[in-house]
Amino acid sequence: MGASVLNGAVVEEGALVAAGAVVSENKVVKANTLVAGVPAKPIRDLTEENVSQAKEGALHYVKKSSAYKEQNVM
């Protein structure tokens, strides 16, 4: 989605970086936090439901890629 995480930056587990955001060098995005903007700034804390939905969405694409690989879809 066009987000950039620069050298030395850390995105902790459960954090989300919004589309188009730029996480500056050596910055830490705290766990369960949504960041957005240029430079990325905290927008809000994420609920467990938010984090769970994001993980489910990511898993969906991992499964799709495996299925496409098995079918030799290019």
PDB file of N, CA and C in Angstrom:
ATOM      1  N   MET A   1       0.809  -1.191   0.000  1.00  0.00           N
ATOM      2  CA  MET A   1       0.000   0.000   0.000  1.00  0.00           C
ATOM      3  C   MET A   1       0.855   1.260   0.000  1.00  0.00           C
ATOM      4  N   GLY A   2       2.124   1.106  -0.205  1.00  0.00           N
ATOM      5  CA  GLY A   2       2.971   2.275  -0.365  1.00  0.00           C
ATOM      6  C   GLY A   2       3.524   2.862   0.919  1.00  0.00           C
ATOM      7  N   ALA A   3       3.463   2.158   2.028  1.00  0.00           N
ATOM      8  CA  ALA A   3       4.078   2.653   3.255  1.00  0.00           C
ATOM      9  C   ALA A   3       5.576   2.386   3.199  1.00  0.00           C
ATOM     10  N   SER A   4       6.358   3.237   3.871  1.00  0.00           N
ATOM     11  CA  SER A   4       7.812   3.069   3.915  1.00  0.00           C
ATOM     12  C   SER A   4       8.276   3.023   5.365  1.00  0.00           C
ATOM     13  N   VAL A   5       9.122   2.038   5.667  1.00  0.00           N
ATOM     14  CA  VAL A   5       9.736   1.919   6.987  1.00  0.00           C
ATOM     15  C   VAL A   5      11.234   2.051   6.753  1.00  0.00           C
ATOM     16  N   LEU A   6      11.804   3.151   7.215  1.00  0.00           N
ATOM     17  CA  LEU A   6      13.200   3.454   6.914  1.00  0.00           C
ATOM     18  C   LEU A   6      14.164   2.699   7.829  1.00  0.00           C
ATOM     19  N   ASN A   7      15.453   2.766   7.477  1.00  0.00           N
ATOM     20  CA  ASN A   7      16.511   2.022   8.170  1.00  0.00           C
ATOM     21  C   ASN A   7      16.462   2.203   9.680  1.00  0.00           C
ATOM     22  N   GLY A   8      16.569   1.095  10.379  1.00  0.00           N
ATOM     23  CA  GLY A   8      16.653   1.118  11.831  1.00  0.00           C
ATOM     24  C   GLY A   8      15.320   1.277  12.539  1.00  0.00           C
ATOM     25  N   ALA A   9      14.249   1.511  11.798  1.00  0.00           N
ATOM     26  CA  ALA A   9      12.931   1.654  12.421  1.00  0.00           C
ATOM     27  C   ALA A   9      12.420   0.281  12.842  1.00  0.00           C
ATOM     28  N   VAL A  10      11.611   0.270  13.885  1.00  0.00           N
ATOM     29  CA  VAL A  10      11.044  -0.972  14.403  1.00  0.00           C
ATOM     30  C   VAL A  10       9.530  -0.810  14.484  1.00  0.00           C
ATOM     31  N   VAL A  11       8.815  -1.781  13.922  1.00  0.00           N
ATOM     32  CA  VAL A  11       7.355  -1.822  14.035  1.00  0.00           C
ATOM     33  C   VAL A  11       7.038  -3.017  14.927  1.00  0.00           C
ATOM     34  N   GLU A  12       6.593  -2.726  16.142  1.00  0.00           N
ATOM     35  CA  GLU A  12       6.340  -3.788  17.111  1.00  0.00           C
ATOM     36  C   GLU A  12       5.090  -4.588  16.737  1.00  0.00           C
ATOM     37  N   GLU A  13       4.981  -5.779  17.329  1.00  0.00           N
ATOM     38  CA  GLU A  13       3.874  -6.694  17.022  1.00  0.00           C
ATOM     39  C   GLU A  13       2.521  -6.034  17.272  1.00  0.00           C
ATOM     40  N   GLY A  14       1.617  -6.219  16.322  1.00  0.00           N
ATOM     41  CA  GLY A  14       0.266  -5.695  16.453  1.00  0.00           C
ATOM     42  C   GLY A  14       0.109  -4.259  16.006  1.00  0.00           C
ATOM     43  N   ALA A  15       1.205  -3.605  15.641  1.00  0.00           N
ATOM     44  CA  ALA A  15       1.126  -2.224  15.156  1.00  0.00           C
ATOM     45  C   ALA A  15       0.749  -2.223  13.682  1.00  0.00           C
ATOM     46  N   LEU A  16       0.110  -1.142  13.231  1.00  0.00           N
ATOM     47  CA  LEU A  16      -0.246  -0.984  11.826  1.00  0.00           C
ATOM     48  C   LEU A  16       0.297   0.338  11.311  1.00  0.00           C
ATOM     49  N   VAL A  17       0.891   0.287  10.114  1.00  0.00           N
ATOM     50  CA  VAL A  17       1.401   1.480   9.439  1.00  0.00           C
ATOM     51  C   VAL A  17       0.457   1.754   8.279  1.00  0.00           C
ATOM     52  N   ALA A  18      -0.174   2.918   8.274  1.00  0.00           N
ATOM     53  CA  ALA A  18      -1.170   3.257   7.257  1.00  0.00           C
ATOM     54  C   ALA A  18      -0.533   3.397   5.879  1.00  0.00           C
ATOM     55  N   ALA A  19      -1.354   3.217   4.856  1.00  0.00           N
ATOM     56  CA  ALA A  19      -0.908   3.383   3.473  1.00  0.00           C
ATOM     57  C   ALA A  19      -0.326   4.781   3.289  1.00  0.00           C
ATOM     58  N   GLY A  20       0.828   4.850   2.637  1.00  0.00           N
ATOM     59  CA  GLY A  20       1.468   6.126   2.345  1.00  0.00           C
ATOM     60  C   GLY A  20       2.285   6.704   3.484  1.00  0.00           C
ATOM     61  N   ALA A  21       2.246   6.072   4.642  1.00  0.00           N
ATOM     62  CA  ALA A  21       2.990   6.584   5.797  1.00  0.00           C
ATOM     63  C   ALA A  21       4.482   6.328   5.626  1.00  0.00           C
ATOM     64  N   VAL A  22       5.285   7.164   6.285  1.00  0.00           N
ATOM     65  CA  VAL A  22       6.738   6.984   6.300  1.00  0.00           C
ATOM     66  C   VAL A  22       7.194   6.959   7.754  1.00  0.00           C
ATOM     67  N   VAL A  23       7.696   5.791   8.182  1.00  0.00           N
ATOM     68  CA  VAL A  23       8.250   5.651   9.527  1.00  0.00           C
ATOM     69  C   VAL A  23       9.720   6.043   9.429  1.00  0.00           C
ATOM     70  N   SER A  24      10.089   7.107  10.121  1.00  0.00           N
ATOM     71  CA  SER A  24      11.441   7.661  10.045  1.00  0.00           C
ATOM     72  C   SER A  24      12.492   6.702  10.587  1.00  0.00           C
ATOM     73  N   GLU A  25      13.745   6.954  10.189  1.00  0.00           N
ATOM     74  CA  GLU A  25      14.867   6.132  10.643  1.00  0.00           C
ATOM     75  C   GLU A  25      14.907   6.064  12.164  1.00  0.00           C
ATOM     76  N   ASN A  26      15.173   4.866  12.669  1.00  0.00           N
ATOM     77  CA  ASN A  26      15.383   4.600  14.094  1.00  0.00           C
ATOM     78  C   ASN A  26      14.175   4.890  14.983  1.00  0.00           C
ATOM     79  N   LYS A  27      12.998   5.073  14.414  1.00  0.00           N
ATOM     80  CA  LYS A  27      11.784   5.284  15.210  1.00  0.00           C
ATOM     81  C   LYS A  27      11.189   3.937  15.588  1.00  0.00           C
ATOM     82  N   VAL A  28      10.442   3.915  16.674  1.00  0.00           N
ATOM     83  CA  VAL A  28       9.771   2.702  17.129  1.00  0.00           C
ATOM     84  C   VAL A  28       8.268   2.950  17.092  1.00  0.00           C
ATOM     85  N   VAL A  29       7.557   2.073  16.387  1.00  0.00           N
ATOM     86  CA  VAL A  29       6.098   2.100  16.399  1.00  0.00           C
ATOM     87  C   VAL A  29       5.677   1.096  17.460  1.00  0.00           C
ATOM     88  N   LYS A  30       5.079   1.595  18.522  1.00  0.00           N
ATOM     89  CA  LYS A  30       4.716   0.752  19.665  1.00  0.00           C
ATOM     90  C   LYS A  30       3.668  -0.289  19.287  1.00  0.00           C
ATOM     91  N   ALA A  31       3.673  -1.386  19.998  1.00  0.00           N
ATOM     92  CA  ALA A  31       2.710  -2.466  19.775  1.00  0.00           C
ATOM     93  C   ALA A  31       1.282  -1.936  19.858  1.00  0.00           C
ATOM     94  N   ASN A  32       0.414  -2.489  19.006  1.00  0.00           N
ATOM     95  CA  ASN A  32      -1.017  -2.176  19.025  1.00  0.00           C
ATOM     96  C   ASN A  32      -1.319  -0.691  18.823  1.00  0.00           C
ATOM     97  N   THR A  33      -0.533  -0.044  17.950  1.00  0.00           N
ATOM     98  CA  THR A  33      -0.723   1.367  17.635  1.00  0.00           C
ATOM     99  C   THR A  33      -0.868   1.533  16.135  1.00  0.00           C
ATOM    100  N   LEU A  34      -1.765   2.430  15.719  1.00  0.00           N
ATOM    101  CA  LEU A  34      -1.908   2.807  14.321  1.00  0.00           C
ATOM    102  C   LEU A  34      -1.137   4.097  14.110  1.00  0.00           C
ATOM    103  N   VAL A  35      -0.239   4.110  13.110  1.00  0.00           N
ATOM    104  CA  VAL A  35       0.478   5.333  12.754  1.00  0.00           C
ATOM    105  C   VAL A  35       0.157   5.693  11.309  1.00  0.00           C
ATOM    106  N   ALA A  36       0.180   7.001  11.024  1.00  0.00           N
ATOM    107  CA  ALA A  36      -0.097   7.473   9.671  1.00  0.00           C
ATOM    108  C   ALA A  36       0.622   8.795   9.467  1.00  0.00           C
ATOM    109  N   GLY A  37       0.820   9.147   8.190  1.00  0.00           N
ATOM    110  CA  GLY A  37       1.384  10.446   7.846  1.00  0.00           C
ATOM    111  C   GLY A  37       2.842  10.392   7.459  1.00  0.00           C
ATOM    112  N   VAL A  38       3.340  11.578   7.101  1.00  0.00           N
ATOM    113  CA  VAL A  38       4.739  11.751   6.711  1.00  0.00           C
ATOM    114  C   VAL A  38       5.269  12.948   7.493  1.00  0.00           C
ATOM    115  N   PRO A  39       6.062  12.706   8.525  1.00  0.00           N
ATOM    116  CA  PRO A  39       6.461  11.401   9.058  1.00  0.00           C
ATOM    117  C   PRO A  39       5.295  10.759   9.816  1.00  0.00           C
ATOM    118  N   ALA A  40       5.384   9.447   9.995  1.00  0.00           N
ATOM    119  CA  ALA A  40       4.327   8.703  10.683  1.00  0.00           C
ATOM    120  C   ALA A  40       4.225   9.145  12.137  1.00  0.00           C
ATOM    121  N   LYS A  41       2.976   9.376  12.560  1.00  0.00           N
ATOM    122  CA  LYS A  41       2.696   9.745  13.947  1.00  0.00           C
ATOM    123  C   LYS A  41       1.563   8.858  14.461  1.00  0.00           C
ATOM    124  N   PRO A  42       1.558   8.589  15.768  1.00  0.00           N
ATOM    125  CA  PRO A  42       0.484   7.757  16.327  1.00  0.00           C
ATOM    126  C   PRO A  42      -0.882   8.410  16.123  1.00  0.00           C
ATOM    127  N   ILE A  43      -1.846   7.612  15.655  1.00  0.00           N
ATOM    128  CA  ILE A  43      -3.210   8.083  15.458  1.00  0.00           C
ATOM    129  C   ILE A  43      -4.094   7.610  16.611  1.00  0.00           C
ATOM    130  N   ARG A  44      -3.979   6.321  16.927  1.00  0.00           N
ATOM    131  CA  ARG A  44      -4.772   5.778  18.038  1.00  0.00           C
ATOM    132  C   ARG A  44      -4.249   4.406  18.427  1.00  0.00           C
ATOM    133  N   ASP A  45      -4.654   3.981  19.614  1.00  0.00           N
ATOM    134  CA  ASP A  45      -4.377   2.614  20.045  1.00  0.00           C
ATOM    135  C   ASP A  45      -5.339   1.681  19.326  1.00  0.00           C
ATOM    136  N   LEU A  46      -4.875   0.477  19.034  1.00  0.00           N
ATOM    137  CA  LEU A  46      -5.701  -0.524  18.374  1.00  0.00           C
ATOM    138  C   LEU A  46      -6.280  -1.484  19.404  1.00  0.00           C
ATOM    139  N   THR A  47      -7.509  -1.899  19.168  1.00  0.00           N
ATOM    140  CA  THR A  47      -8.133  -2.890  20.044  1.00  0.00           C
ATOM    141  C   THR A  47      -7.642  -4.279  19.649  1.00  0.00           C
ATOM    142  N   GLU A  48      -7.879  -5.242  20.516  1.00  0.00           N
ATOM    143  CA  GLU A  48      -7.533  -6.628  20.182  1.00  0.00           C
ATOM    144  C   GLU A  48      -8.286  -7.067  18.929  1.00  0.00           C
ATOM    145  N   GLU A  49      -9.518  -6.594  18.768  1.00  0.00           N
ATOM    146  CA  GLU A  49     -10.303  -6.930  17.576  1.00  0.00           C
ATOM    147  C   GLU A  49      -9.649  -6.363  16.316  1.00  0.00           C
ATOM    148  N   ASN A  50      -9.149  -5.113  16.385  1.00  0.00           N
ATOM    149  CA  ASN A  50      -8.452  -4.520  15.239  1.00  0.00           C
ATOM    150  C   ASN A  50      -7.251  -5.359  14.839  1.00  0.00           C
ATOM    151  N   VAL A  51      -6.456  -5.741  15.829  1.00  0.00           N
ATOM    152  CA  VAL A  51      -5.235  -6.513  15.576  1.00  0.00           C
ATOM    153  C   VAL A  51      -5.590  -7.876  14.990  1.00  0.00           C
ATOM    154  N   SER A  52      -6.610  -8.510  15.553  1.00  0.00           N
ATOM    155  CA  SER A  52      -7.046  -9.817  15.069  1.00  0.00           C
ATOM    156  C   SER A  52      -7.512  -9.738  13.612  1.00  0.00           C
ATOM    157  N   GLN A  53      -8.293  -8.721  13.276  1.00  0.00           N
ATOM    158  CA  GLN A  53      -8.773  -8.558  11.900  1.00  0.00           C
ATOM    159  C   GLN A  53      -7.614  -8.326  10.935  1.00  0.00           C
ATOM    160  N   ALA A  54      -6.634  -7.548  11.348  1.00  0.00           N
ATOM    161  CA  ALA A  54      -5.475  -7.291  10.487  1.00  0.00           C
ATOM    162  C   ALA A  54      -4.694  -8.581  10.234  1.00  0.00           C
ATOM    163  N   LYS A  55      -4.529  -9.389  11.276  1.00  0.00           N
ATOM    164  CA  LYS A  55      -3.820 -10.666  11.122  1.00  0.00           C
ATOM    165  C   LYS A  55      -4.589 -11.607  10.199  1.00  0.00           C
ATOM    166  N   GLU A  56      -5.915 -11.651  10.359  1.00  0.00           N
ATOM    167  CA  GLU A  56      -6.743 -12.495   9.488  1.00  0.00           C
ATOM    168  C   GLU A  56      -6.615 -12.058   8.032  1.00  0.00           C
ATOM    169  N   GLY A  57      -6.610 -10.754   7.800  1.00  0.00           N
ATOM    170  CA  GLY A  57      -6.466 -10.231   6.443  1.00  0.00           C
ATOM    171  C   GLY A  57      -5.137 -10.618   5.829  1.00  0.00           C
ATOM    172  N   ALA A  58      -4.075 -10.508   6.599  1.00  0.00           N
ATOM    173  CA  ALA A  58      -2.748 -10.871   6.101  1.00  0.00           C
ATOM    174  C   ALA A  58      -2.679 -12.365   5.803  1.00  0.00           C
ATOM    175  N   LEU A  59      -3.254 -13.172   6.682  1.00  0.00           N
ATOM    176  CA  LEU A  59      -3.264 -14.622   6.469  1.00  0.00           C
ATOM    177  C   LEU A  59      -4.019 -15.003   5.203  1.00  0.00           C
ATOM    178  N   HIS A  60      -5.080 -14.275   4.908  1.00  0.00           N
ATOM    179  CA  HIS A  60      -5.857 -14.511   3.687  1.00  0.00           C
ATOM    180  C   HIS A  60      -4.947 -14.429   2.463  1.00  0.00           C
ATOM    181  N   TYR A  61      -4.094 -13.399   2.412  1.00  0.00           N
ATOM    182  CA  TYR A  61      -3.212 -13.229   1.257  1.00  0.00           C
ATOM    183  C   TYR A  61      -2.099 -14.270   1.221  1.00  0.00           C
ATOM    184  N   VAL A  62      -1.632 -14.704   2.372  1.00  0.00           N
ATOM    185  CA  VAL A  62      -0.630 -15.773   2.416  1.00  0.00           C
ATOM    186  C   VAL A  62      -1.224 -17.050   1.834  1.00  0.00           C
ATOM    187  N   LYS A  63      -2.456 -17.372   2.231  1.00  0.00           N
ATOM    188  CA  LYS A  63      -3.123 -18.569   1.710  1.00  0.00           C
ATOM    189  C   LYS A  63      -3.366 -18.455   0.212  1.00  0.00           C
ATOM    190  N   LYS A  64      -3.785 -17.273  -0.244  1.00  0.00           N
ATOM    191  CA  LYS A  64      -4.015 -17.065  -1.680  1.00  0.00           C
ATOM    192  C   LYS A  64      -2.728 -17.279  -2.459  1.00  0.00           C
ATOM    193  N   SER A  65      -1.613 -16.749  -1.954  1.00  0.00           N
ATOM    194  CA  SER A  65      -0.352 -16.891  -2.686  1.00  0.00           C
ATOM    195  C   SER A  65       0.062 -18.355  -2.780  1.00  0.00           C
ATOM    196  N   SER A  66      -0.177 -19.115  -1.714  1.00  0.00           N
ATOM    197  CA  SER A  66       0.143 -20.548  -1.746  1.00  0.00           C
ATOM    198  C   SER A  66      -0.709 -21.272  -2.775  1.00  0.00           C
ATOM    199  N   ALA A  67      -1.988 -20.930  -2.825  1.00  0.00           N
ATOM    200  CA  ALA A  67      -2.889 -21.562  -3.794  1.00  0.00           C
ATOM    201  C   ALA A  67      -2.468 -21.223  -5.220  1.00  0.00           C
ATOM    202  N   TYR A  68      -2.121 -19.967  -5.462  1.00  0.00           N
ATOM    203  CA  TYR A  68      -1.684 -19.561  -6.799  1.00  0.00           C
ATOM    204  C   TYR A  68      -0.384 -20.260  -7.186  1.00  0.00           C
ATOM    205  N   LYS A  69       0.519 -20.399  -6.211  1.00  0.00           N
ATOM    206  CA  LYS A  69       1.791 -21.067  -6.485  1.00  0.00           C
ATOM    207  C   LYS A  69       1.551 -22.522  -6.883  1.00  0.00           C
ATOM    208  N   GLU A  70       0.663 -23.193  -6.170  1.00  0.00           N
ATOM    209  CA  GLU A  70       0.347 -24.591  -6.482  1.00  0.00           C
ATOM    210  C   GLU A  70      -0.262 -24.740  -7.871  1.00  0.00           C
ATOM    211  N   GLN A  71      -1.006 -23.729  -8.309  1.00  0.00           N
ATOM    212  CA  GLN A  71      -1.671 -23.770  -9.612  1.00  0.00           C
ATOM    213  C   GLN A  71      -0.804 -23.185 -10.731  1.00  0.00           C
ATOM    214  N   ASN A  72       0.405 -22.749 -10.392  1.00  0.00           N
ATOM    215  CA  ASN A  72       1.297 -22.082 -11.346  1.00  0.00           C
ATOM    216  C   ASN A  72       0.664 -20.858 -11.987  1.00  0.00           C
ATOM    217  N   VAL A  73      -0.119 -20.114 -11.217  1.00  0.00           N
ATOM    218  CA  VAL A  73      -0.726 -18.874 -11.712  1.00  0.00           C
ATOM    219  C   VAL A  73       0.329 -17.787 -11.651  1.00  0.00           C
ATOM    220  N   MET A  74       0.503 -17.105 -12.756  1.00  0.00           N
ATOM    221  CA  MET A  74       1.494 -16.026 -12.786  1.00  0.00           C
ATOM    222  C   MET A  74       0.846 -14.695 -12.718  1.00  0.00           C
TER     223      MET A  74
END
